[in-house]
Amino acid sequence: MPIVRNLGRAASQLLQGSGCGCGVSLVPVRAIGVSPRQVASDASFHSVTFSESDHPRVLITGGLGQLGVGLAKLLRKRFGKNNVILSDIRKPADNVFYSGPFIFADILDYKNLREIVVNNRITWLFHYSALLSAVGEANVPLARAVNITGLHNVLDIAAEHNLRLFVPSTIGAFGPTSPRDPTPDLCIQRPRTIYGVSKVHAELMGEYYHYRYGLDFRCLRYPGIISADSQPGGGTTDYAVQIFHDAIKTGKFKCYLRPDTRLPMMYIDDCLKATLEIMEAPAEALTMRTYNISAMSFTPEELAQEVQKYVPELQMSYNVDQVRQAIADSWPMNFDDSNARRDWGWKHDYDLPELVTTMFSYLGSDSRIAQAN
């Protein structure tokens, strides 16, 4: 049987710094058969479906990345603190650990992941474990293991135990031959990063499992996500987070993309709201299993102009990273999310001015910002 090979100390160090919630271990890669993995004959458990309880029992993998902690907070407020389990392979900060249930979960360890689902009677699974675009290009074997092999484990377990499964996709699932302005839900997808390739794979496998096995698979293609309570994690759009930190700390920001690079973006609150809405949408309302969602689209130059309203002396400079620029140039400039708005009522709350105001309200205790206000 083929195995995921030990990727060594360097890969392990990269993984720990990547913000993804997965592990690297010597585990079997199962060949996908004609059906999802069958329950072992000696297994003893009771799988609770959503219809059997007042609230879903939720597991979030990769929970210490940019979105997991915020999603857990939102879901706990809605479904109850003890119904939402956050998981990762890294040690959480005290405030995260004491805010609700947290467990170690390695998505490459099929047996452990299955035990977690069974023992905690999980009914909804949010699969956030992944290596992002720039980090993935720096270590393709690790990204392949985490983003593809880990996905297969999650799909098999979700199908076996009748879970409602959410897997995020990305603007990176499109490529240079895709329509870029706007990019529709259905069009040619030929990404040129391992991150994008793995996300197209996830979209297609999830849709296949839905039609073949009845898996309740749901997926959103996220634009660049901006939040104040997490550090940039290696993504191509992370300049739009770093600019706020640098503006406050030093009044200077050096951008690794060209000033005219237009990409779709979204504030984290809109992203989390959309994620909950797609999971709560009636199945009969969904005309597809993967949707674009969008809120705004801007360039580094446009963002800098808005930031300068709060930090007028911000000095913006550019040192283009050719790898990240090539990635950005292959991605959509604008998302067409009309299907999401029609099918399940998606509507964003934050445009660029509201985004910048909100970011500085969280980050900006600096005297420069106080004077500008």
Protein backbone atom coordinates (compact mmCIF):
# COMPACT_ATOMS: atom_id res chain seq x y z
CA MET A 1 0.00 0.00 0.00
CA PRO A 2 1.42 3.44 -0.88
CA ILE A 3 2.25 5.77 1.99
CA VAL A 4 2.60 9.48 2.64
CA ARG A 5 6.33 9.74 3.15
CA ASN A 6 7.80 11.46 6.16
CA LEU A 7 8.47 14.97 4.90
CA GLY A 8 11.21 15.69 7.41
CA ARG A 9 12.03 18.33 9.96
CA ALA A 10 12.01 21.23 7.50
CA ALA A 11 8.51 20.40 6.30
CA SER A 12 7.34 20.03 9.86
CA GLN A 13 8.75 23.46 10.73
CA LEU A 14 7.07 24.99 7.69
CA LEU A 15 3.80 23.39 8.67
CA GLN A 16 3.93 24.76 12.20
CA GLY A 17 4.35 28.27 10.82
CA SER A 18 1.79 28.01 8.09
CA GLY A 19 -1.39 28.42 10.08
CA CYS A 20 -2.87 25.21 8.72
CA GLY A 21 -4.33 22.62 11.03
CA CYS A 22 -2.87 19.35 9.93
CA GLY A 23 0.00 17.06 10.72
CA VAL A 24 2.68 15.18 8.87
CA SER A 25 2.92 11.52 9.79
CA LEU A 26 3.61 8.15 8.23
CA VAL A 27 0.10 7.02 7.37
CA PRO A 28 -1.50 4.91 4.65
CA VAL A 29 -3.06 6.58 1.66
CA ARG A 30 -6.12 4.52 0.90
CA ALA A 31 -7.10 3.85 -2.66
CA ILE A 32 -10.58 5.18 -3.16
CA GLY A 33 -12.78 2.24 -3.96
CA VAL A 34 -16.23 2.03 -5.41
CA SER A 35 -17.70 3.41 -2.20
CA PRO A 36 -16.51 5.31 0.88
CA ARG A 37 -14.70 3.32 3.54
CA GLN A 38 -17.00 0.83 5.17
CA VAL A 39 -17.49 0.73 8.92
CA ALA A 40 -15.26 -1.83 10.59
CA SER A 41 -17.19 -4.85 11.80
CA ASP A 42 -16.14 -4.31 15.43
CA ALA A 43 -16.95 -0.59 15.49
CA SER A 44 -19.50 0.45 18.06
CA PHE A 45 -20.98 3.93 17.86
CA HIS A 46 -24.10 5.93 17.27
CA SER A 47 -24.00 8.52 14.50
CA VAL A 48 -26.34 11.39 15.31
CA THR A 49 -27.72 13.31 12.36
CA PHE A 50 -28.77 16.95 12.47
CA SER A 51 -32.45 15.97 12.48
CA GLU A 52 -31.95 14.04 15.73
CA SER A 53 -30.83 16.98 17.85
CA ASP A 54 -31.74 20.61 18.41
CA HIS A 55 -28.38 21.83 17.16
CA PRO A 56 -25.63 20.46 14.96
CA ARG A 57 -22.51 19.04 16.61
CA VAL A 58 -19.68 20.85 14.85
CA LEU A 59 -16.01 20.03 14.25
CA ILE A 60 -13.65 22.61 12.71
CA THR A 61 -10.32 21.32 11.37
CA GLY A 62 -7.40 23.71 10.95
CA GLY A 63 -9.11 25.83 13.56
CA LEU A 64 -6.15 28.02 14.51
CA GLY A 65 -5.83 29.53 11.05
CA GLN A 66 -7.28 32.86 9.95
CA LEU A 67 -10.94 31.80 9.97
CA GLY A 68 -11.38 28.96 12.45
CA VAL A 69 -11.39 30.87 15.73
CA GLY A 70 -13.84 33.47 14.44
CA LEU A 71 -16.09 30.79 12.98
CA ALA A 72 -16.09 28.89 16.28
CA LYS A 73 -17.09 32.06 18.13
CA LEU A 74 -19.96 32.69 15.70
CA LEU A 75 -21.20 29.09 15.79
CA ARG A 76 -20.95 28.82 19.58
CA LYS A 77 -23.07 31.92 19.93
CA ARG A 78 -25.68 30.32 17.68
CA PHE A 79 -25.55 26.64 18.67
CA GLY A 80 -24.07 26.64 22.18
CA LYS A 81 -20.50 26.61 23.42
CA ASN A 82 -20.18 22.86 23.87
CA ASN A 83 -21.62 21.99 20.45
CA VAL A 84 -18.64 23.43 18.54
CA ILE A 85 -15.22 21.75 18.74
CA LEU A 86 -12.16 23.57 17.47
CA SER A 87 -9.20 21.41 16.41
CA ASP A 88 -5.65 21.79 15.15
CA ILE A 89 -2.21 20.22 15.60
CA ARG A 90 -0.79 23.32 17.26
CA LYS A 91 -1.15 24.42 20.86
CA PRO A 92 -3.82 27.10 21.16
CA ALA A 93 -3.44 30.36 23.02
CA ASP A 94 -5.04 30.42 26.48
CA ASN A 95 -7.93 32.60 25.37
CA VAL A 96 -8.79 30.13 22.60
CA PHE A 97 -8.35 27.03 24.78
CA TYR A 98 -10.65 28.35 27.51
CA SER A 99 -13.28 29.76 25.15
CA GLY A 100 -14.72 26.33 24.30
CA PRO A 101 -13.90 22.71 23.43
CA PHE A 102 -10.51 22.22 21.75
CA ILE A 103 -8.87 18.95 20.69
CA PHE A 104 -5.83 17.78 18.76
CA ALA A 105 -6.79 16.52 15.29
CA ASP A 106 -4.41 15.46 12.54
CA ILE A 107 -6.28 15.23 9.25
CA LEU A 108 -3.68 12.81 7.88
CA ASP A 109 -4.49 10.36 10.69
CA TYR A 110 -7.67 8.77 9.39
CA LYS A 111 -8.30 6.59 12.44
CA ASN A 112 -7.96 9.45 14.91
CA LEU A 113 -10.15 11.75 12.85
CA ARG A 114 -12.83 9.07 12.57
CA GLU A 115 -12.73 8.49 16.33
CA ILE A 116 -13.23 12.21 16.93
CA VAL A 117 -16.30 12.26 14.68
CA VAL A 118 -17.79 9.15 16.29
CA ASN A 119 -17.00 9.91 19.94
CA ASN A 120 -18.26 13.49 19.71
CA ARG A 121 -21.31 12.67 17.57
CA ILE A 122 -20.28 15.24 14.95
CA THR A 123 -22.92 16.21 12.37
CA TRP A 124 -21.32 19.26 10.70
CA LEU A 125 -17.66 19.41 9.66
CA PHE A 126 -15.87 22.57 8.52
CA HIS A 127 -12.61 21.53 6.86
CA TYR A 128 -10.18 24.47 7.02
CA SER A 129 -6.87 22.57 7.08
CA ALA A 130 -4.78 23.68 4.09
CA LEU A 131 -1.51 25.22 3.00
CA LEU A 132 -2.14 28.56 1.29
CA SER A 133 -0.85 29.72 -2.08
CA ALA A 134 2.63 31.10 -1.44
CA VAL A 135 3.40 28.63 1.36
CA GLY A 136 2.22 25.75 -0.80
CA GLU A 137 4.52 26.73 -3.66
CA ALA A 138 7.44 26.67 -1.23
CA ASN A 139 6.71 23.03 -0.32
CA VAL A 140 4.64 21.22 -2.93
CA PRO A 141 4.93 17.70 -1.41
CA LEU A 142 3.62 18.96 1.92
CA ALA A 143 0.79 20.90 0.23
CA ARG A 144 -0.14 17.81 -1.79
CA ALA A 145 -0.32 15.68 1.36
CA VAL A 146 -2.28 18.20 3.41
CA ASN A 147 -4.59 19.64 0.76
CA ILE A 148 -5.37 16.44 -1.17
CA THR A 149 -4.73 13.39 1.03
CA GLY A 150 -6.27 15.16 4.02
CA LEU A 151 -9.32 16.02 1.93
CA HIS A 152 -9.80 12.37 0.95
CA ASN A 153 -9.83 11.38 4.64
CA VAL A 154 -12.44 14.03 5.38
CA LEU A 155 -14.64 13.09 2.41
CA ASP A 156 -14.65 9.39 3.34
CA ILE A 157 -15.49 10.08 6.97
CA ALA A 158 -18.18 12.63 6.07
CA ALA A 159 -19.84 10.23 3.63
CA GLU A 160 -19.62 7.30 6.05
CA HIS A 161 -21.21 9.21 8.93
CA ASN A 162 -23.71 11.31 6.99
CA LEU A 163 -22.13 14.66 7.86
CA ARG A 164 -22.88 18.03 6.36
CA LEU A 165 -19.44 19.02 5.06
CA PHE A 166 -18.11 22.48 4.27
CA VAL A 167 -14.82 22.84 2.40
CA PRO A 168 -13.73 26.36 1.43
CA SER A 169 -12.40 27.05 -2.03
CA THR A 170 -10.68 30.16 -3.32
CA ILE A 171 -10.10 32.66 -6.08
CA GLY A 172 -6.96 30.56 -6.62
CA ALA A 173 -9.11 27.80 -8.12
CA PHE A 174 -9.08 29.81 -11.37
CA GLY A 175 -6.19 30.32 -13.77
CA PRO A 176 -4.93 32.64 -16.51
CA THR A 177 -7.31 31.15 -19.08
CA SER A 178 -10.39 31.78 -16.89
CA PRO A 179 -12.53 34.88 -17.52
CA ARG A 180 -11.17 37.43 -15.04
CA ASP A 181 -13.59 40.38 -15.01
CA PRO A 182 -15.98 39.06 -13.90
CA THR A 183 -15.34 35.37 -13.19
CA PRO A 184 -18.55 33.29 -13.23
CA ASP A 185 -19.25 30.21 -11.10
CA LEU A 186 -18.87 27.85 -14.05
CA CYS A 187 -16.00 28.41 -16.46
CA ILE A 188 -12.64 26.94 -17.38
CA GLN A 189 -10.40 26.36 -14.34
CA ARG A 190 -6.70 25.79 -14.95
CA PRO A 191 -4.89 27.10 -11.85
CA ARG A 192 -1.10 27.18 -11.78
CA THR A 193 -0.48 26.70 -8.06
CA ILE A 194 -0.69 23.50 -6.02
CA TYR A 195 -3.11 25.35 -3.75
CA GLY A 196 -5.43 26.15 -6.65
CA VAL A 197 -5.14 22.67 -8.16
CA SER A 198 -5.98 21.09 -4.81
CA LYS A 199 -9.02 23.34 -4.41
CA VAL A 200 -10.38 22.46 -7.86
CA HIS A 201 -9.84 18.85 -6.85
CA ALA A 202 -11.82 19.48 -3.65
CA GLU A 203 -14.69 21.12 -5.55
CA LEU A 204 -14.97 18.24 -8.02
CA MET A 205 -14.54 15.47 -5.46
CA GLY A 206 -17.12 17.06 -3.18
CA GLU A 207 -19.59 17.36 -6.03
CA TYR A 208 -18.87 13.75 -7.07
CA TYR A 209 -19.46 12.48 -3.53
CA HIS A 210 -22.71 14.45 -3.44
CA TYR A 211 -24.07 12.88 -6.62
CA ARG A 212 -22.54 9.43 -6.08
CA TYR A 213 -23.09 8.93 -2.34
CA GLY A 214 -25.51 11.66 -1.31
CA LEU A 215 -22.94 13.59 0.73
CA ASP A 216 -24.26 17.00 1.77
CA PHE A 217 -21.22 18.88 0.46
CA ARG A 218 -21.17 22.69 0.42
CA CYS A 219 -18.40 24.97 -0.77
CA LEU A 220 -17.74 28.71 -1.18
CA ARG A 221 -14.97 30.24 -3.25
CA TYR A 222 -13.56 32.84 -0.88
CA PRO A 223 -11.93 36.02 -2.16
CA GLY A 224 -9.00 37.48 -0.21
CA ILE A 225 -10.09 37.60 3.45
CA ILE A 226 -9.11 40.54 5.66
CA SER A 227 -9.26 40.44 9.45
CA ALA A 228 -7.77 42.38 12.34
CA ASP A 229 -7.28 39.53 14.81
CA SER A 230 -4.94 37.29 12.81
CA GLN A 231 -1.51 37.75 11.29
CA PRO A 232 -0.88 37.28 7.55
CA GLY A 233 -0.50 33.56 6.81
CA GLY A 234 1.37 33.26 3.52
CA GLY A 235 -1.41 34.03 1.07
CA THR A 236 -1.03 36.20 -2.03
CA THR A 237 -3.74 38.61 -0.81
CA ASP A 238 -2.22 39.02 2.66
CA TYR A 239 -0.71 42.40 1.73
CA ALA A 240 -4.20 43.77 2.42
CA VAL A 241 -3.84 42.73 6.07
CA GLN A 242 -0.16 43.63 6.51
CA ILE A 243 -0.66 47.22 5.32
CA PHE A 244 -2.74 48.04 8.42
CA HIS A 245 -0.17 46.67 10.86
CA ASP A 246 2.71 48.45 9.13
CA ALA A 247 0.82 51.72 8.79
CA ILE A 248 0.23 51.80 12.53
CA LYS A 249 3.68 50.58 13.61
CA THR A 250 5.99 52.39 11.18
CA GLY A 251 3.95 54.55 8.81
CA LYS A 252 5.59 52.69 5.93
CA PHE A 253 4.47 49.76 3.81
CA LYS A 254 6.29 47.91 1.05
CA CYS A 255 3.87 45.97 -1.15
CA TYR A 256 4.91 42.81 -3.02
CA LEU A 257 2.25 43.28 -5.73
CA ARG A 258 2.04 45.97 -8.43
CA PRO A 259 -0.07 49.00 -7.48
CA ASP A 260 -2.67 48.19 -10.18
CA THR A 261 -3.23 44.52 -9.19
CA ARG A 262 -6.99 44.20 -8.75
CA LEU A 263 -8.32 41.27 -6.70
CA PRO A 264 -11.66 40.48 -5.03
CA MET A 265 -11.60 40.93 -1.25
CA MET A 266 -13.90 40.51 1.75
CA TYR A 267 -13.95 41.47 5.42
CA ILE A 268 -13.90 38.44 7.71
CA ASP A 269 -17.33 39.11 9.24
CA ASP A 270 -18.92 38.86 5.80
CA CYS A 271 -16.97 35.68 5.11
CA LEU A 272 -18.10 33.99 8.31
CA LYS A 273 -21.68 35.14 7.79
CA ALA A 274 -21.72 33.66 4.28
CA THR A 275 -20.26 30.39 5.57
CA LEU A 276 -23.00 29.98 8.16
CA GLU A 277 -25.69 31.00 5.67
CA ILE A 278 -24.66 28.42 3.06
CA MET A 279 -24.61 25.71 5.73
CA GLU A 280 -28.08 26.65 6.96
CA ALA A 281 -29.59 27.05 3.48
CA PRO A 282 -32.22 24.44 2.58
CA ALA A 283 -30.75 21.82 0.29
CA GLU A 284 -33.55 22.35 -2.22
CA ALA A 285 -32.55 26.02 -2.60
CA LEU A 286 -29.05 25.15 -3.80
CA THR A 287 -28.67 24.86 -7.57
CA MET A 288 -24.96 24.04 -7.26
CA ARG A 289 -22.54 22.82 -4.61
CA THR A 290 -19.80 25.44 -5.07
CA TYR A 291 -20.55 29.17 -5.19
CA ASN A 292 -18.53 32.34 -5.73
CA ILE A 293 -19.02 34.98 -3.04
CA SER A 294 -17.72 38.53 -3.18
CA ALA A 295 -18.00 41.89 -1.49
CA MET A 296 -15.49 44.33 -3.06
CA SER A 297 -12.56 44.46 -5.44
CA PHE A 298 -9.60 46.85 -5.14
CA THR A 299 -5.93 47.41 -5.95
CA PRO A 300 -3.05 48.07 -3.52
CA GLU A 301 -3.06 51.69 -4.68
CA GLU A 302 -6.76 52.11 -3.95
CA LEU A 303 -6.37 50.48 -0.54
CA ALA A 304 -3.43 52.76 0.29
CA GLN A 305 -5.47 55.85 -0.59
CA GLU A 306 -8.19 54.76 1.80
CA VAL A 307 -5.67 53.93 4.56
CA GLN A 308 -4.07 57.37 4.13
CA LYS A 309 -7.31 58.94 5.30
CA TYR A 310 -6.38 57.56 8.73
CA VAL A 311 -2.58 57.63 8.44
CA PRO A 312 -1.91 60.56 6.08
CA GLU A 313 1.86 60.18 6.25
CA LEU A 314 1.79 56.53 5.13
CA GLN A 315 4.69 55.94 2.74
CA MET A 316 3.73 53.30 0.19
CA SER A 317 6.44 51.60 -1.87
CA TYR A 318 6.54 48.55 -4.12
CA ASN A 319 8.98 45.67 -4.36
CA VAL A 320 7.24 43.18 -6.63
CA ASP A 321 7.60 39.52 -5.73
CA GLN A 322 7.49 37.82 -9.12
CA VAL A 323 6.10 34.56 -7.73
CA ARG A 324 3.19 36.22 -5.95
CA GLN A 325 2.60 38.66 -8.79
CA ALA A 326 2.33 35.78 -11.27
CA ILE A 327 -0.16 34.09 -8.96
CA ALA A 328 -2.24 37.27 -8.63
CA ASP A 329 -2.20 37.86 -12.39
CA SER A 330 -3.75 34.42 -12.91
CA TRP A 331 -6.61 35.08 -10.48
CA PRO A 332 -9.99 36.80 -10.96
CA MET A 333 -10.21 40.58 -10.77
CA ASN A 334 -13.91 40.43 -9.88
CA PHE A 335 -16.19 37.58 -8.83
CA ASP A 336 -19.68 37.11 -10.28
CA ASP A 337 -21.62 35.90 -7.22
CA SER A 338 -25.12 36.42 -8.63
CA ASN A 339 -26.04 32.74 -8.11
CA ALA A 340 -25.32 32.95 -4.39
CA ARG A 341 -27.35 36.15 -4.12
CA ARG A 342 -30.24 34.55 -5.98
CA ASP A 343 -30.26 31.03 -4.47
CA TRP A 344 -29.74 31.66 -0.77
CA GLY A 345 -29.87 35.43 -0.38
CA TRP A 346 -26.18 36.26 0.00
CA LYS A 347 -25.60 39.96 0.68
CA HIS A 348 -22.37 41.57 1.93
CA ASP A 349 -22.19 44.31 4.58
CA TYR A 350 -18.67 45.73 4.11
CA ASP A 351 -17.37 47.78 1.18
CA LEU A 352 -13.85 49.27 1.11
CA PRO A 353 -14.51 52.36 3.29
CA GLU A 354 -16.32 50.28 5.93
CA LEU A 355 -13.53 47.70 5.82
CA VAL A 356 -10.79 50.27 6.48
CA THR A 357 -12.77 51.99 9.22
CA THR A 358 -13.40 48.67 10.95
CA MET A 359 -9.78 47.54 10.71
CA PHE A 360 -8.53 50.74 12.32
CA SER A 361 -11.20 50.59 15.00
CA TYR A 362 -9.68 47.26 16.06
CA LEU A 363 -6.02 48.04 15.49
CA GLY A 364 -5.73 51.80 15.74
CA SER A 365 -5.01 53.17 19.17
CA ASP A 366 -2.09 55.10 17.65
CA SER A 367 -2.01 58.89 18.06
CA ARG A 368 -1.69 59.36 14.29
CA ILE A 369 -5.06 57.71 13.78
CA ALA A 370 -6.66 59.56 16.67
CA GLN A 371 -5.59 62.86 15.13
CA ALA A 372 -6.87 61.85 11.70
CA ASN A 373 -10.23 60.94 13.17
